[in-house]
Amino acid sequence: MTLPGRGGRPVSATHSPALAALPAATVLELGEHGIRTTAWADLAVVGHTRAFLERPDRYLRHLLD
């Protein structure tokens, strides 16, 4: 999405998979490496979320023991 007459693009800092899944979305990862383009599925937070949803007991045991 280009802003009319200005050549700019909107930037949104989000953890929203709905926004990141938009066909024209560019996912930028900020880390010790600097800034790089990546796929949503390759972000560490996505891997951690999937692992939690698969087996929440692996995470919750640290809180409940």
PDB file of N, CA and C in Angstrom:
ATOM      1  N   MET A   1       0.851  -1.172   0.000  1.00  0.00           N
ATOM      2  CA  MET A   1       0.000   0.000   0.000  1.00  0.00           C
ATOM      3  C   MET A   1       0.893   1.230   0.000  1.00  0.00           C
ATOM      4  N   THR A   2       0.800   2.049  -1.006  1.00  0.00           N
ATOM      5  CA  THR A   2       1.577   3.277  -1.097  1.00  0.00           C
ATOM      6  C   THR A   2       0.686   4.458  -0.765  1.00  0.00           C
ATOM      7  N   LEU A   3       1.196   5.370   0.025  1.00  0.00           N
ATOM      8  CA  LEU A   3       0.426   6.559   0.353  1.00  0.00           C
ATOM      9  C   LEU A   3       0.330   7.436  -0.886  1.00  0.00           C
ATOM     10  N   PRO A   4      -0.858   7.882  -1.221  1.00  0.00           N
ATOM     11  CA  PRO A   4      -1.069   8.646  -2.448  1.00  0.00           C
ATOM     12  C   PRO A   4      -0.187   9.890  -2.541  1.00  0.00           C
ATOM     13  N   GLY A   5       0.502   9.999  -3.665  1.00  0.00           N
ATOM     14  CA  GLY A   5       1.251  11.209  -3.973  1.00  0.00           C
ATOM     15  C   GLY A   5       2.506  11.424  -3.137  1.00  0.00           C
ATOM     16  N   ARG A   6       2.854  10.534  -2.276  1.00  0.00           N
ATOM     17  CA  ARG A   6       4.019  10.752  -1.414  1.00  0.00           C
ATOM     18  C   ARG A   6       5.080   9.670  -1.558  1.00  0.00           C
ATOM     19  N   GLY A   7       4.702   8.506  -2.079  1.00  0.00           N
ATOM     20  CA  GLY A   7       5.657   7.425  -2.251  1.00  0.00           C
ATOM     21  C   GLY A   7       6.032   6.733  -0.955  1.00  0.00           C
ATOM     22  N   GLY A   8       5.278   6.971   0.122  1.00  0.00           N
ATOM     23  CA  GLY A   8       5.585   6.341   1.404  1.00  0.00           C
ATOM     24  C   GLY A   8       4.768   5.088   1.627  1.00  0.00           C
ATOM     25  N   ARG A   9       5.096   4.402   2.696  1.00  0.00           N
ATOM     26  CA  ARG A   9       4.359   3.202   3.085  1.00  0.00           C
ATOM     27  C   ARG A   9       4.094   3.256   4.573  1.00  0.00           C
ATOM     28  N   PRO A  10       2.933   2.739   4.996  1.00  0.00           N
ATOM     29  CA  PRO A  10       2.657   2.692   6.433  1.00  0.00           C
ATOM     30  C   PRO A  10       3.516   1.624   7.106  1.00  0.00           C
ATOM     31  N   VAL A  11       3.889   1.868   8.334  1.00  0.00           N
ATOM     32  CA  VAL A  11       4.653   0.913   9.130  1.00  0.00           C
ATOM     33  C   VAL A  11       3.861   0.627  10.390  1.00  0.00           C
ATOM     34  N   SER A  12       3.740  -0.637  10.730  1.00  0.00           N
ATOM     35  CA  SER A  12       3.013  -1.033  11.928  1.00  0.00           C
ATOM     36  C   SER A  12       3.862  -2.008  12.722  1.00  0.00           C
ATOM     37  N   ALA A  13       4.131  -1.682  13.974  1.00  0.00           N
ATOM     38  CA  ALA A  13       4.829  -2.612  14.869  1.00  0.00           C
ATOM     39  C   ALA A  13       3.760  -3.443  15.550  1.00  0.00           C
ATOM     40  N   THR A  14       3.741  -4.736  15.252  1.00  0.00           N
ATOM     41  CA  THR A  14       2.656  -5.575  15.757  1.00  0.00           C
ATOM     42  C   THR A  14       3.111  -7.009  15.923  1.00  0.00           C
ATOM     43  N   HIS A  15       2.364  -7.756  16.697  1.00  0.00           N
ATOM     44  CA  HIS A  15       2.534  -9.197  16.786  1.00  0.00           C
ATOM     45  C   HIS A  15       1.344  -9.882  16.124  1.00  0.00           C
ATOM     46  N   SER A  16       0.581  -9.135  15.352  1.00  0.00           N
ATOM     47  CA  SER A  16      -0.646  -9.645  14.765  1.00  0.00           C
ATOM     48  C   SER A  16      -0.365 -10.548  13.564  1.00  0.00           C
ATOM     49  N   PRO A  17      -0.717 -11.835  13.670  1.00  0.00           N
ATOM     50  CA  PRO A  17      -0.536 -12.703  12.509  1.00  0.00           C
ATOM     51  C   PRO A  17      -1.451 -12.313  11.351  1.00  0.00           C
ATOM     52  N   ALA A  18      -2.587 -11.683  11.663  1.00  0.00           N
ATOM     53  CA  ALA A  18      -3.505 -11.265  10.595  1.00  0.00           C
ATOM     54  C   ALA A  18      -2.856 -10.193   9.723  1.00  0.00           C
ATOM     55  N   LEU A  19      -2.179  -9.231  10.335  1.00  0.00           N
ATOM     56  CA  LEU A  19      -1.506  -8.195   9.546  1.00  0.00           C
ATOM     57  C   LEU A  19      -0.290  -8.751   8.819  1.00  0.00           C
ATOM     58  N   ALA A  20       0.480  -9.574   9.499  1.00  0.00           N
ATOM     59  CA  ALA A  20       1.687 -10.129   8.889  1.00  0.00           C
ATOM     60  C   ALA A  20       1.371 -11.095   7.753  1.00  0.00           C
ATOM     61  N   ALA A  21       0.177 -11.669   7.755  1.00  0.00           N
ATOM     62  CA  ALA A  21      -0.211 -12.622   6.718  1.00  0.00           C
ATOM     63  C   ALA A  21      -0.760 -11.949   5.464  1.00  0.00           C
ATOM     64  N   LEU A  22      -0.942 -10.644   5.497  1.00  0.00           N
ATOM     65  CA  LEU A  22      -1.421  -9.957   4.295  1.00  0.00           C
ATOM     66  C   LEU A  22      -0.460 -10.225   3.144  1.00  0.00           C
ATOM     67  N   PRO A  23      -0.966 -10.460   1.943  1.00  0.00           N
ATOM     68  CA  PRO A  23      -0.107 -10.834   0.823  1.00  0.00           C
ATOM     69  C   PRO A  23       1.051  -9.877   0.553  1.00  0.00           C
ATOM     70  N   ALA A  24       0.861  -8.606   0.716  1.00  0.00           N
ATOM     71  CA  ALA A  24       1.928  -7.647   0.413  1.00  0.00           C
ATOM     72  C   ALA A  24       2.735  -7.246   1.647  1.00  0.00           C
ATOM     73  N   ALA A  25       2.508  -7.905   2.779  1.00  0.00           N
ATOM     74  CA  ALA A  25       3.197  -7.529   4.014  1.00  0.00           C
ATOM     75  C   ALA A  25       4.681  -7.876   3.933  1.00  0.00           C
ATOM     76  N   THR A  26       5.492  -6.999   4.470  1.00  0.00           N
ATOM     77  CA  THR A  26       6.915  -7.255   4.635  1.00  0.00           C
ATOM     78  C   THR A  26       7.171  -7.336   6.132  1.00  0.00           C
ATOM     79  N   VAL A  27       7.713  -8.465   6.579  1.00  0.00           N
ATOM     80  CA  VAL A  27       7.995  -8.663   7.997  1.00  0.00           C
ATOM     81  C   VAL A  27       9.463  -8.346   8.227  1.00  0.00           C
ATOM     82  N   LEU A  28       9.702  -7.377   9.097  1.00  0.00           N
ATOM     83  CA  LEU A  28      11.070  -7.004   9.454  1.00  0.00           C
ATOM     84  C   LEU A  28      11.339  -7.453  10.876  1.00  0.00           C
ATOM     85  N   GLU A  29      12.467  -8.110  11.076  1.00  0.00           N
ATOM     86  CA  GLU A  29      12.864  -8.589  12.398  1.00  0.00           C
ATOM     87  C   GLU A  29      14.004  -7.719  12.902  1.00  0.00           C
ATOM     88  N   LEU A  30      13.850  -7.217  14.107  1.00  0.00           N
ATOM     89  CA  LEU A  30      14.893  -6.415  14.734  1.00  0.00           C
ATOM     90  C   LEU A  30      15.543  -7.259  15.809  1.00  0.00           C
ATOM     91  N   GLY A  31      16.865  -7.314  15.795  1.00  0.00           N
ATOM     92  CA  GLY A  31      17.583  -8.115  16.783  1.00  0.00           C
ATOM     93  C   GLY A  31      19.030  -7.695  16.869  1.00  0.00           C
ATOM     94  N   GLU A  32      19.820  -8.524  17.520  1.00  0.00           N
ATOM     95  CA  GLU A  32      21.253  -8.232  17.655  1.00  0.00           C
ATOM     96  C   GLU A  32      21.924  -8.126  16.294  1.00  0.00           C
ATOM     97  N   HIS A  33      21.344  -8.769  15.297  1.00  0.00           N
ATOM     98  CA  HIS A  33      21.865  -8.774  13.931  1.00  0.00           C
ATOM     99  C   HIS A  33      21.525  -7.495  13.182  1.00  0.00           C
ATOM    100  N   GLY A  34      20.698  -6.652  13.765  1.00  0.00           N
ATOM    101  CA  GLY A  34      20.220  -5.444  13.093  1.00  0.00           C
ATOM    102  C   GLY A  34      18.791  -5.660  12.628  1.00  0.00           C
ATOM    103  N   ILE A  35      18.481  -5.189  11.440  1.00  0.00           N
ATOM    104  CA  ILE A  35      17.142  -5.345  10.867  1.00  0.00           C
ATOM    105  C   ILE A  35      17.260  -6.213   9.624  1.00  0.00           C
ATOM    106  N   ARG A  36      16.355  -7.200   9.540  1.00  0.00           N
ATOM    107  CA  ARG A  36      16.359  -8.046   8.338  1.00  0.00           C
ATOM    108  C   ARG A  36      14.931  -8.440   7.987  1.00  0.00           C
ATOM    109  N   THR A  37      14.723  -8.719   6.722  1.00  0.00           N
ATOM    110  CA  THR A  37      13.442  -9.210   6.235  1.00  0.00           C
ATOM    111  C   THR A  37      13.358 -10.695   6.532  1.00  0.00           C
ATOM    112  N   THR A  38      12.207 -11.143   6.981  1.00  0.00           N
ATOM    113  CA  THR A  38      12.016 -12.558   7.296  1.00  0.00           C
ATOM    114  C   THR A  38      10.573 -12.948   7.033  1.00  0.00           C
ATOM    115  N   ALA A  39      10.296 -14.209   7.123  1.00  0.00           N
ATOM    116  CA  ALA A  39       8.918 -14.701   7.018  1.00  0.00           C
ATOM    117  C   ALA A  39       8.333 -14.782   8.420  1.00  0.00           C
ATOM    118  N   TRP A  40       7.040 -14.531   8.546  1.00  0.00           N
ATOM    119  CA  TRP A  40       6.367 -14.579   9.848  1.00  0.00           C
ATOM    120  C   TRP A  40       6.638 -15.917  10.539  1.00  0.00           C
ATOM    121  N   ALA A  41       6.532 -17.007   9.794  1.00  0.00           N
ATOM    122  CA  ALA A  41       6.708 -18.346  10.368  1.00  0.00           C
ATOM    123  C   ALA A  41       8.117 -18.587  10.890  1.00  0.00           C
ATOM    124  N   ASP A  42       9.088 -17.803  10.440  1.00  0.00           N
ATOM    125  CA  ASP A  42      10.472 -17.987  10.863  1.00  0.00           C
ATOM    126  C   ASP A  42      10.837 -17.198  12.120  1.00  0.00           C
ATOM    127  N   LEU A  43       9.929 -16.361  12.621  1.00  0.00           N
ATOM    128  CA  LEU A  43      10.208 -15.582  13.830  1.00  0.00           C
ATOM    129  C   LEU A  43      10.225 -16.494  15.057  1.00  0.00           C
ATOM    130  N   ALA A  44      11.135 -16.226  15.986  1.00  0.00           N
ATOM    131  CA  ALA A  44      11.232 -17.024  17.211  1.00  0.00           C
ATOM    132  C   ALA A  44       9.927 -17.005  17.992  1.00  0.00           C
ATOM    133  N   VAL A  45       9.268 -15.855  18.049  1.00  0.00           N
ATOM    134  CA  VAL A  45       8.019 -15.758  18.812  1.00  0.00           C
ATOM    135  C   VAL A  45       6.950 -16.691  18.253  1.00  0.00           C
ATOM    136  N   VAL A  46       6.946 -16.912  16.971  1.00  0.00           N
ATOM    137  CA  VAL A  46       5.978 -17.826  16.358  1.00  0.00           C
ATOM    138  C   VAL A  46       6.292 -19.262  16.763  1.00  0.00           C
ATOM    139  N   GLY A  47       7.565 -19.625  16.754  1.00  0.00           N
ATOM    140  CA  GLY A  47       7.967 -20.961  17.183  1.00  0.00           C
ATOM    141  C   GLY A  47       7.620 -21.224  18.635  1.00  0.00           C
ATOM    142  N   HIS A  48       7.858 -20.224  19.496  1.00  0.00           N
ATOM    143  CA  HIS A  48       7.532 -20.372  20.917  1.00  0.00           C
ATOM    144  C   HIS A  48       6.022 -20.493  21.124  1.00  0.00           C
ATOM    145  N   THR A  49       5.255 -19.718  20.382  1.00  0.00           N
ATOM    146  CA  THR A  49       3.795 -19.788  20.502  1.00  0.00           C
ATOM    147  C   THR A  49       3.285 -21.152  20.064  1.00  0.00           C
ATOM    148  N   ARG A  50       3.803 -21.652  18.962  1.00  0.00           N
ATOM    149  CA  ARG A  50       3.390 -22.978  18.492  1.00  0.00           C
ATOM    150  C   ARG A  50       3.739 -24.057  19.511  1.00  0.00           C
ATOM    151  N   ALA A  51       4.949 -23.974  20.072  1.00  0.00           N
ATOM    152  CA  ALA A  51       5.369 -24.957  21.075  1.00  0.00           C
ATOM    153  C   ALA A  51       4.474 -24.891  22.307  1.00  0.00           C
ATOM    154  N   PHE A  52       4.119 -23.690  22.728  1.00  0.00           N
ATOM    155  CA  PHE A  52       3.238 -23.528  23.879  1.00  0.00           C
ATOM    156  C   PHE A  52       1.862 -24.132  23.602  1.00  0.00           C
ATOM    157  N   LEU A  53       1.308 -23.838  22.440  1.00  0.00           N
ATOM    158  CA  LEU A  53      -0.020 -24.347  22.109  1.00  0.00           C
ATOM    159  C   LEU A  53      -0.016 -25.871  21.955  1.00  0.00           C
ATOM    160  N   GLU A  54       1.097 -26.424  21.509  1.00  0.00           N
ATOM    161  CA  GLU A  54       1.213 -27.869  21.352  1.00  0.00           C
ATOM    162  C   GLU A  54       1.280 -28.577  22.705  1.00  0.00           C
ATOM    163  N   ARG A  55       2.073 -28.009  23.629  1.00  0.00           N
ATOM    164  CA  ARG A  55       2.244 -28.628  24.951  1.00  0.00           C
ATOM    165  C   ARG A  55       2.430 -27.553  26.016  1.00  0.00           C
ATOM    166  N   PRO A  56       1.347 -26.930  26.461  1.00  0.00           N
ATOM    167  CA  PRO A  56       1.459 -25.859  27.455  1.00  0.00           C
ATOM    168  C   PRO A  56       2.091 -26.315  28.764  1.00  0.00           C
ATOM    169  N   ASP A  57       1.978 -27.595  29.077  1.00  0.00           N
ATOM    170  CA  ASP A  57       2.558 -28.091  30.327  1.00  0.00           C
ATOM    171  C   ASP A  57       4.070 -27.895  30.382  1.00  0.00           C
ATOM    172  N   ARG A  58       4.748 -27.894  29.243  1.00  0.00           N
ATOM    173  CA  ARG A  58       6.195 -27.670  29.231  1.00  0.00           C
ATOM    174  C   ARG A  58       6.546 -26.282  29.729  1.00  0.00           C
ATOM    175  N   TYR A  59       5.670 -25.333  29.526  1.00  0.00           N
ATOM    176  CA  TYR A  59       5.909 -23.963  29.969  1.00  0.00           C
ATOM    177  C   TYR A  59       5.329 -23.721  31.359  1.00  0.00           C
ATOM    178  N   LEU A  60       4.122 -24.238  31.571  1.00  0.00           N
ATOM    179  CA  LEU A  60       3.422 -23.963  32.811  1.00  0.00           C
ATOM    180  C   LEU A  60       4.045 -24.672  34.013  1.00  0.00           C
ATOM    181  N   ARG A  61       4.790 -25.733  33.792  1.00  0.00           N
ATOM    182  CA  ARG A  61       5.403 -26.448  34.913  1.00  0.00           C
ATOM    183  C   ARG A  61       6.351 -25.549  35.696  1.00  0.00           C
ATOM    184  N   HIS A  62       6.938 -24.577  35.025  1.00  0.00           N
ATOM    185  CA  HIS A  62       7.851 -23.637  35.701  1.00  0.00           C
ATOM    186  C   HIS A  62       7.083 -22.719  36.651  1.00  0.00           C
ATOM    187  N   LEU A  63       5.819 -22.501  36.380  1.00  0.00           N
ATOM    188  CA  LEU A  63       4.999 -21.655  37.224  1.00  0.00           C
ATOM    189  C   LEU A  63       4.250 -22.441  38.299  1.00  0.00           C
ATOM    190  N   LEU A  64       3.940 -23.692  37.993  1.00  0.00           N
ATOM    191  CA  LEU A  64       3.073 -24.464  38.870  1.00  0.00           C
ATOM    192  C   LEU A  64       3.812 -25.419  39.801  1.00  0.00           C
ATOM    193  N   ASP A  65       5.074 -25.688  39.556  1.00  0.00           N
ATOM    194  CA  ASP A  65       5.842 -26.593  40.425  1.00  0.00           C
ATOM    195  C   ASP A  65       6.375 -25.883  41.650  1.00  0.00           C
TER     196      ASP A  65
END
